PDB file of N, CA and C in Angstrom:
ATOM      1  N   MET A   1      -1.344   0.727 -25.634  1.00  0.00           N
ATOM      2  CA  MET A   1      -2.735   1.064 -25.806  1.00  0.00           C
ATOM      3  C   MET A   1      -3.451   0.902 -24.467  1.00  0.00           C
ATOM      4  N   THR A   2      -4.299   1.850 -24.140  1.00  0.00           N
ATOM      5  CA  THR A   2      -5.117   1.771 -22.932  1.00  0.00           C
ATOM      6  C   THR A   2      -6.574   1.608 -23.348  1.00  0.00           C
ATOM      7  N   TYR A   3      -7.261   0.702 -22.666  1.00  0.00           N
ATOM      8  CA  TYR A   3      -8.638   0.357 -23.004  1.00  0.00           C
ATOM      9  C   TYR A   3      -9.460   0.321 -21.725  1.00  0.00           C
ATOM     10  N   ASP A   4     -10.633   0.959 -21.728  1.00  0.00           N
ATOM     11  CA  ASP A   4     -11.568   0.912 -20.602  1.00  0.00           C
ATOM     12  C   ASP A   4     -12.742   0.016 -20.963  1.00  0.00           C
ATOM     13  N   TYR A   5     -13.110  -0.859 -20.037  1.00  0.00           N
ATOM     14  CA  TYR A   5     -14.201  -1.806 -20.247  1.00  0.00           C
ATOM     15  C   TYR A   5     -15.212  -1.666 -19.118  1.00  0.00           C
ATOM     16  N   GLN A   6     -16.479  -1.484 -19.472  1.00  0.00           N
ATOM     17  CA  GLN A   6     -17.579  -1.422 -18.503  1.00  0.00           C
ATOM     18  C   GLN A   6     -17.997  -2.849 -18.169  1.00  0.00           C
ATOM     19  N   THR A   7     -17.829  -3.247 -16.920  1.00  0.00           N
ATOM     20  CA  THR A   7     -18.155  -4.619 -16.531  1.00  0.00           C
ATOM     21  C   THR A   7     -19.669  -4.817 -16.425  1.00  0.00           C
ATOM     22  N   GLN A   8     -20.068  -6.077 -16.425  1.00  0.00           N
ATOM     23  CA  GLN A   8     -21.482  -6.440 -16.285  1.00  0.00           C
ATOM     24  C   GLN A   8     -21.593  -7.574 -15.280  1.00  0.00           C
ATOM     25  N   GLY A   9     -22.478  -7.403 -14.289  1.00  0.00           N
ATOM     26  CA  GLY A   9     -22.762  -8.480 -13.353  1.00  0.00           C
ATOM     27  C   GLY A   9     -21.750  -8.652 -12.228  1.00  0.00           C
ATOM     28  N   THR A  10     -20.893  -7.649 -12.004  1.00  0.00           N
ATOM     29  CA  THR A  10     -19.911  -7.743 -10.926  1.00  0.00           C
ATOM     30  C   THR A  10     -19.936  -6.480 -10.072  1.00  0.00           C
ATOM     31  N   CYS A  11     -19.269  -6.546  -8.930  1.00  0.00           N
ATOM     32  CA  CYS A  11     -19.173  -5.382  -8.045  1.00  0.00           C
ATOM     33  C   CYS A  11     -18.276  -4.306  -8.649  1.00  0.00           C
ATOM     34  N   SER A  12     -17.240  -4.724  -9.376  1.00  0.00           N
ATOM     35  CA  SER A  12     -16.404  -3.733 -10.054  1.00  0.00           C
ATOM     36  C   SER A  12     -17.203  -3.143 -11.214  1.00  0.00           C
ATOM     37  N   LYS A  13     -16.910  -1.899 -11.548  1.00  0.00           N
ATOM     38  CA  LYS A  13     -17.695  -1.203 -12.580  1.00  0.00           C
ATOM     39  C   LYS A  13     -16.921  -0.993 -13.875  1.00  0.00           C
ATOM     40  N   VAL A  14     -15.611  -0.802 -13.773  1.00  0.00           N
ATOM     41  CA  VAL A  14     -14.773  -0.518 -14.939  1.00  0.00           C
ATOM     42  C   VAL A  14     -13.442  -1.235 -14.763  1.00  0.00           C
ATOM     43  N   ILE A  15     -12.883  -1.720 -15.871  1.00  0.00           N
ATOM     44  CA  ILE A  15     -11.528  -2.255 -15.872  1.00  0.00           C
ATOM     45  C   ILE A  15     -10.734  -1.431 -16.882  1.00  0.00           C
ATOM     46  N   ARG A  16      -9.621  -0.860 -16.428  1.00  0.00           N
ATOM     47  CA  ARG A  16      -8.727  -0.101 -17.323  1.00  0.00           C
ATOM     48  C   ARG A  16      -7.504  -0.972 -17.582  1.00  0.00           C
ATOM     49  N   ILE A  17      -7.268  -1.258 -18.857  1.00  0.00           N
ATOM     50  CA  ILE A  17      -6.201  -2.172 -19.270  1.00  0.00           C
ATOM     51  C   ILE A  17      -5.191  -1.414 -20.114  1.00  0.00           C
ATOM     52  N   THR A  18      -3.910  -1.573 -19.781  1.00  0.00           N
ATOM     53  CA  THR A  18      -2.843  -1.043 -20.618  1.00  0.00           C
ATOM     54  C   THR A  18      -2.057  -2.232 -21.156  1.00  0.00           C
ATOM     55  N   GLU A  19      -1.933  -2.279 -22.489  1.00  0.00           N
ATOM     56  CA  GLU A  19      -1.315  -3.404 -23.174  1.00  0.00           C
ATOM     57  C   GLU A  19      -0.337  -2.885 -24.214  1.00  0.00           C
ATOM     58  N   GLU A  20       0.784  -3.594 -24.371  1.00  0.00           N
ATOM     59  CA  GLU A  20       1.749  -3.280 -25.423  1.00  0.00           C
ATOM     60  C   GLU A  20       2.195  -4.576 -26.078  1.00  0.00           C
ATOM     61  N   ASN A  21       2.067  -4.647 -27.385  1.00  0.00           N
ATOM     62  CA  ASN A  21       2.526  -5.816 -28.151  1.00  0.00           C
ATOM     63  C   ASN A  21       1.989  -7.136 -27.611  1.00  0.00           C
ATOM     64  N   GLY A  22       0.713  -7.144 -27.213  1.00  0.00           N
ATOM     65  CA  GLY A  22       0.078  -8.372 -26.745  1.00  0.00           C
ATOM     66  C   GLY A  22       0.418  -8.765 -25.319  1.00  0.00           C
ATOM     67  N   VAL A  23       1.074  -7.860 -24.564  1.00  0.00           N
ATOM     68  CA  VAL A  23       1.459  -8.147 -23.180  1.00  0.00           C
ATOM     69  C   VAL A  23       0.806  -7.116 -22.259  1.00  0.00           C
ATOM     70  N   LEU A  24       0.220  -7.591 -21.160  1.00  0.00           N
ATOM     71  CA  LEU A  24      -0.444  -6.699 -20.211  1.00  0.00           C
ATOM     72  C   LEU A  24       0.593  -5.925 -19.405  1.00  0.00           C
ATOM     73  N   GLN A  25       0.483  -4.612 -19.443  1.00  0.00           N
ATOM     74  CA  GLN A  25       1.394  -3.741 -18.695  1.00  0.00           C
ATOM     75  C   GLN A  25       0.787  -3.323 -17.366  1.00  0.00           C
ATOM     76  N   GLU A  26      -0.541  -3.092 -17.359  1.00  0.00           N
ATOM     77  CA  GLU A  26      -1.231  -2.670 -16.140  1.00  0.00           C
ATOM     78  C   GLU A  26      -2.717  -2.965 -16.270  1.00  0.00           C
ATOM     79  N   VAL A  27      -3.327  -3.380 -15.165  1.00  0.00           N
ATOM     80  CA  VAL A  27      -4.770  -3.590 -15.093  1.00  0.00           C
ATOM     81  C   VAL A  27      -5.256  -2.935 -13.810  1.00  0.00           C
ATOM     82  N   LYS A  28      -6.260  -2.079 -13.921  1.00  0.00           N
ATOM     83  CA  LYS A  28      -6.852  -1.421 -12.750  1.00  0.00           C
ATOM     84  C   LYS A  28      -8.361  -1.632 -12.772  1.00  0.00           C
ATOM     85  N   PHE A  29      -8.897  -2.052 -11.634  1.00  0.00           N
ATOM     86  CA  PHE A  29     -10.341  -2.214 -11.470  1.00  0.00           C
ATOM     87  C   PHE A  29     -10.879  -1.015 -10.703  1.00  0.00           C
ATOM     88  N   VAL A  30     -12.055  -0.532 -11.083  1.00  0.00           N
ATOM     89  CA  VAL A  30     -12.755   0.522 -10.351  1.00  0.00           C
ATOM     90  C   VAL A  30     -13.933  -0.139  -9.661  1.00  0.00           C
ATOM     91  N   GLY A  31     -13.973  -0.050  -8.338  1.00  0.00           N
ATOM     92  CA  GLY A  31     -15.014  -0.714  -7.566  1.00  0.00           C
ATOM     93  C   GLY A  31     -14.602  -2.150  -7.266  1.00  0.00           C
ATOM     94  N   GLY A  32     -15.464  -2.853  -6.584  1.00  0.00           N
ATOM     95  CA  GLY A  32     -15.184  -4.245  -6.260  1.00  0.00           C
ATOM     96  C   GLY A  32     -14.357  -4.400  -5.004  1.00  0.00           C
ATOM     97  N   CYS A  33     -13.831  -5.586  -4.794  1.00  0.00           N
ATOM     98  CA  CYS A  33     -13.053  -5.929  -3.600  1.00  0.00           C
ATOM     99  C   CYS A  33     -11.588  -5.558  -3.824  1.00  0.00           C
ATOM    100  N   PRO A  34     -11.116  -4.495  -3.188  1.00  0.00           N
ATOM    101  CA  PRO A  34      -9.787  -3.966  -3.485  1.00  0.00           C
ATOM    102  C   PRO A  34      -8.647  -4.983  -3.371  1.00  0.00           C
ATOM    103  N   GLY A  35      -8.621  -5.764  -2.307  1.00  0.00           N
ATOM    104  CA  GLY A  35      -7.514  -6.704  -2.108  1.00  0.00           C
ATOM    105  C   GLY A  35      -7.441  -7.754  -3.199  1.00  0.00           C
ATOM    106  N   ASN A  36      -8.560  -8.396  -3.475  1.00  0.00           N
ATOM    107  CA  ASN A  36      -8.576  -9.439  -4.503  1.00  0.00           C
ATOM    108  C   ASN A  36      -8.263  -8.882  -5.878  1.00  0.00           C
ATOM    109  N   LEU A  37      -8.818  -7.728  -6.197  1.00  0.00           N
ATOM    110  CA  LEU A  37      -8.620  -7.170  -7.530  1.00  0.00           C
ATOM    111  C   LEU A  37      -7.209  -6.635  -7.710  1.00  0.00           C
ATOM    112  N   GLN A  38      -6.617  -6.126  -6.651  1.00  0.00           N
ATOM    113  CA  GLN A  38      -5.222  -5.707  -6.727  1.00  0.00           C
ATOM    114  C   GLN A  38      -4.332  -6.940  -6.939  1.00  0.00           C
ATOM    115  N   GLY A  39      -4.684  -8.030  -6.297  1.00  0.00           N
ATOM    116  CA  GLY A  39      -3.939  -9.278  -6.476  1.00  0.00           C
ATOM    117  C   GLY A  39      -4.023  -9.781  -7.904  1.00  0.00           C
ATOM    118  N   ILE A  40      -5.224  -9.783  -8.469  1.00  0.00           N
ATOM    119  CA  ILE A  40      -5.399 -10.210  -9.867  1.00  0.00           C
ATOM    120  C   ILE A  40      -4.576  -9.317 -10.779  1.00  0.00           C
ATOM    121  N   SER A  41      -4.635  -8.014 -10.549  1.00  0.00           N
ATOM    122  CA  SER A  41      -3.900  -7.067 -11.390  1.00  0.00           C
ATOM    123  C   SER A  41      -2.403  -7.342 -11.368  1.00  0.00           C
ATOM    124  N   ARG A  42      -1.873  -7.629 -10.206  1.00  0.00           N
ATOM    125  CA  ARG A  42      -0.437  -7.910 -10.103  1.00  0.00           C
ATOM    126  C   ARG A  42      -0.081  -9.248 -10.744  1.00  0.00           C
ATOM    127  N   LEU A  43      -0.953 -10.226 -10.619  1.00  0.00           N
ATOM    128  CA  LEU A  43      -0.676 -11.542 -11.194  1.00  0.00           C
ATOM    129  C   LEU A  43      -0.651 -11.524 -12.719  1.00  0.00           C
ATOM    130  N   VAL A  44      -1.491 -10.714 -13.339  1.00  0.00           N
ATOM    131  CA  VAL A  44      -1.544 -10.718 -14.809  1.00  0.00           C
ATOM    132  C   VAL A  44      -0.554  -9.757 -15.446  1.00  0.00           C
ATOM    133  N   LYS A  45       0.071  -8.883 -14.653  1.00  0.00           N
ATOM    134  CA  LYS A  45       1.045  -7.940 -15.205  1.00  0.00           C
ATOM    135  C   LYS A  45       2.191  -8.721 -15.850  1.00  0.00           C
ATOM    136  N   GLY A  46       2.495  -8.377 -17.097  1.00  0.00           N
ATOM    137  CA  GLY A  46       3.544  -9.060 -17.838  1.00  0.00           C
ATOM    138  C   GLY A  46       3.081 -10.312 -18.566  1.00  0.00           C
ATOM    139  N   MET A  47       1.822 -10.688 -18.376  1.00  0.00           N
ATOM    140  CA  MET A  47       1.274 -11.885 -19.008  1.00  0.00           C
ATOM    141  C   MET A  47       0.795 -11.562 -20.419  1.00  0.00           C
ATOM    142  N   LYS A  48       0.916 -12.519 -21.317  1.00  0.00           N
ATOM    143  CA  LYS A  48       0.365 -12.355 -22.657  1.00  0.00           C
ATOM    144  C   LYS A  48      -1.154 -12.317 -22.557  1.00  0.00           C
ATOM    145  N   VAL A  49      -1.767 -11.482 -23.382  1.00  0.00           N
ATOM    146  CA  VAL A  49      -3.218 -11.307 -23.360  1.00  0.00           C
ATOM    147  C   VAL A  49      -3.928 -12.644 -23.539  1.00  0.00           C
ATOM    148  N   ASP A  50      -3.513 -13.442 -24.504  1.00  0.00           N
ATOM    149  CA  ASP A  50      -4.176 -14.728 -24.755  1.00  0.00           C
ATOM    150  C   ASP A  50      -4.044 -15.685 -23.573  1.00  0.00           C
ATOM    151  N   ASP A  51      -2.910 -15.667 -22.898  1.00  0.00           N
ATOM    152  CA  ASP A  51      -2.729 -16.516 -21.716  1.00  0.00           C
ATOM    153  C   ASP A  51      -3.665 -16.102 -20.593  1.00  0.00           C
ATOM    154  N   ALA A  52      -3.816 -14.794 -20.401  1.00  0.00           N
ATOM    155  CA  ALA A  52      -4.724 -14.293 -19.359  1.00  0.00           C
ATOM    156  C   ALA A  52      -6.163 -14.699 -19.672  1.00  0.00           C
ATOM    157  N   ILE A  53      -6.570 -14.571 -20.931  1.00  0.00           N
ATOM    158  CA  ILE A  53      -7.932 -14.973 -21.321  1.00  0.00           C
ATOM    159  C   ILE A  53      -8.143 -16.444 -21.002  1.00  0.00           C
ATOM    160  N   ASN A  54      -7.204 -17.289 -21.402  1.00  0.00           N
ATOM    161  CA  ASN A  54      -7.337 -18.731 -21.185  1.00  0.00           C
ATOM    162  C   ASN A  54      -7.421 -19.096 -19.711  1.00  0.00           C
ATOM    163  N   ARG A  55      -6.717 -18.384 -18.860  1.00  0.00           N
ATOM    164  CA  ARG A  55      -6.719 -18.693 -17.429  1.00  0.00           C
ATOM    165  C   ARG A  55      -7.940 -18.161 -16.694  1.00  0.00           C
ATOM    166  N   LEU A  56      -8.484 -17.031 -17.135  1.00  0.00           N
ATOM    167  CA  LEU A  56      -9.525 -16.351 -16.365  1.00  0.00           C
ATOM    168  C   LEU A  56     -10.945 -16.570 -16.867  1.00  0.00           C
ATOM    169  N   GLU A  57     -11.093 -16.862 -18.139  1.00  0.00           N
ATOM    170  CA  GLU A  57     -12.441 -16.983 -18.714  1.00  0.00           C
ATOM    171  C   GLU A  57     -13.203 -18.137 -18.071  1.00  0.00           C
ATOM    172  N   GLY A  58     -14.448 -17.854 -17.700  1.00  0.00           N
ATOM    173  CA  GLY A  58     -15.332 -18.882 -17.156  1.00  0.00           C
ATOM    174  C   GLY A  58     -15.352 -18.969 -15.639  1.00  0.00           C
ATOM    175  N   ILE A  59     -14.501 -18.214 -14.954  1.00  0.00           N
ATOM    176  CA  ILE A  59     -14.519 -18.212 -13.488  1.00  0.00           C
ATOM    177  C   ILE A  59     -15.806 -17.527 -13.027  1.00  0.00           C
ATOM    178  N   ARG A  60     -16.481 -18.150 -12.074  1.00  0.00           N
ATOM    179  CA  ARG A  60     -17.737 -17.595 -11.564  1.00  0.00           C
ATOM    180  C   ARG A  60     -17.563 -17.121 -10.134  1.00  0.00           C
ATOM    181  N   CYS A  61     -18.411 -16.195  -9.739  1.00  0.00           N
ATOM    182  CA  CYS A  61     -18.429 -15.684  -8.370  1.00  0.00           C
ATOM    183  C   CYS A  61     -19.710 -16.195  -7.715  1.00  0.00           C
ATOM    184  N   GLY A  62     -19.597 -17.233  -6.913  1.00  0.00           N
ATOM    185  CA  GLY A  62     -20.775 -17.827  -6.282  1.00  0.00           C
ATOM    186  C   GLY A  62     -21.772 -18.287  -7.330  1.00  0.00           C
ATOM    187  N   ALA A  63     -23.030 -17.858  -7.178  1.00  0.00           N
ATOM    188  CA  ALA A  63     -24.075 -18.247  -8.115  1.00  0.00           C
ATOM    189  C   ALA A  63     -24.135 -17.348  -9.347  1.00  0.00           C
ATOM    190  N   LYS A  64     -23.333 -16.287  -9.360  1.00  0.00           N
ATOM    191  CA  LYS A  64     -23.334 -15.381 -10.514  1.00  0.00           C
ATOM    192  C   LYS A  64     -22.741 -16.091 -11.733  1.00  0.00           C
ATOM    193  N   PRO A  65     -23.208 -15.754 -12.920  1.00  0.00           N
ATOM    194  CA  PRO A  65     -22.664 -16.391 -14.130  1.00  0.00           C
ATOM    195  C   PRO A  65     -21.302 -15.832 -14.558  1.00  0.00           C
ATOM    196  N   THR A  66     -20.781 -14.850 -13.825  1.00  0.00           N
ATOM    197  CA  THR A  66     -19.506 -14.226 -14.166  1.00  0.00           C
ATOM    198  C   THR A  66     -18.773 -13.850 -12.888  1.00  0.00           C
ATOM    199  N   SER A  67     -17.624 -13.227 -13.030  1.00  0.00           N
ATOM    200  CA  SER A  67     -16.815 -12.766 -11.892  1.00  0.00           C
ATOM    201  C   SER A  67     -15.906 -11.661 -12.411  1.00  0.00           C
ATOM    202  N   CYS A  68     -15.174 -11.020 -11.514  1.00  0.00           N
ATOM    203  CA  CYS A  68     -14.222  -9.996 -11.963  1.00  0.00           C
ATOM    204  C   CYS A  68     -13.133 -10.601 -12.861  1.00  0.00           C
ATOM    205  N   PRO A  69     -12.569 -11.778 -12.518  1.00  0.00           N
ATOM    206  CA  PRO A  69     -11.601 -12.360 -13.439  1.00  0.00           C
ATOM    207  C   PRO A  69     -12.213 -12.688 -14.808  1.00  0.00           C
ATOM    208  N   ASP A  70     -13.431 -13.216 -14.811  1.00  0.00           N
ATOM    209  CA  ASP A  70     -14.103 -13.511 -16.074  1.00  0.00           C
ATOM    210  C   ASP A  70     -14.366 -12.230 -16.856  1.00  0.00           C
ATOM    211  N   GLN A  71     -14.743 -11.163 -16.173  1.00  0.00           N
ATOM    212  CA  GLN A  71     -14.970  -9.891 -16.853  1.00  0.00           C
ATOM    213  C   GLN A  71     -13.673  -9.349 -17.442  1.00  0.00           C
ATOM    214  N   LEU A  72     -12.551  -9.578 -16.765  1.00  0.00           N
ATOM    215  CA  LEU A  72     -11.265  -9.183 -17.337  1.00  0.00           C
ATOM    216  C   LEU A  72     -11.006  -9.966 -18.615  1.00  0.00           C
ATOM    217  N   ALA A  73     -11.296 -11.253 -18.610  1.00  0.00           N
ATOM    218  CA  ALA A  73     -11.130 -12.053 -19.833  1.00  0.00           C
ATOM    219  C   ALA A  73     -12.025 -11.530 -20.946  1.00  0.00           C
ATOM    220  N   GLN A  74     -13.272 -11.169 -20.624  1.00  0.00           N
ATOM    221  CA  GLN A  74     -14.180 -10.636 -21.634  1.00  0.00           C
ATOM    222  C   GLN A  74     -13.656  -9.293 -22.163  1.00  0.00           C
ATOM    223  N   ALA A  75     -13.124  -8.478 -21.258  1.00  0.00           N
ATOM    224  CA  ALA A  75     -12.559  -7.185 -21.667  1.00  0.00           C
ATOM    225  C   ALA A  75     -11.390  -7.396 -22.619  1.00  0.00           C
ATOM    226  N   LEU A  76     -10.531  -8.350 -22.316  1.00  0.00           N
ATOM    227  CA  LEU A  76      -9.377  -8.614 -23.166  1.00  0.00           C
ATOM    228  C   LEU A  76      -9.806  -9.129 -24.534  1.00  0.00           C
ATOM    229  N   LYS A  77     -10.830  -9.977 -24.563  1.00  0.00           N
ATOM    230  CA  LYS A  77     -11.337 -10.468 -25.857  1.00  0.00           C
ATOM    231  C   LYS A  77     -11.900  -9.329 -26.673  1.00  0.00           C
ATOM    232  N   THR A  78     -12.658  -8.430 -26.029  1.00  0.00           N
ATOM    233  CA  THR A  78     -13.227  -7.277 -26.729  1.00  0.00           C
ATOM    234  C   THR A  78     -12.129  -6.349 -27.224  1.00  0.00           C
ATOM    235  N   MET A  79     -11.123  -6.143 -26.393  1.00  0.00           N
ATOM    236  CA  MET A  79     -10.004  -5.260 -26.740  1.00  0.00           C
ATOM    237  C   MET A  79      -9.263  -5.777 -27.976  1.00  0.00           C
ATOM    238  N   LYS A  80      -9.134  -7.088 -28.093  1.00  0.00           N
ATOM    239  CA  LYS A  80      -8.412  -7.678 -29.222  1.00  0.00           C
ATOM    240  C   LYS A  80      -9.122  -7.454 -30.555  1.00  0.00           C
ATOM    241  N   ASN A  81     -10.459  -7.343 -30.507  1.00  0.00           N
ATOM    242  CA  ASN A  81     -11.240  -7.211 -31.753  1.00  0.00           C
ATOM    243  C   ASN A  81     -11.268  -5.813 -32.269  1.00  0.00           C
TER     244      ASN A  81
END
């Protein structure tokens, strides 16, 4: 299943997630800091969705109340519902 999520409060604008049987197959960010987001995408590939949520949720970017990793966690939670 492929799911697109519109981010809020970050430099990235969209996260495209491909998941099969609760495991992340691919994550692509549109916009944002290419190096960091490519790194996050590679790190979560093959990870269980729930594990990724637990690791990424609540991470902040400076004074912002969210971050790209946190937005990925929010996207995964929304995708599950």
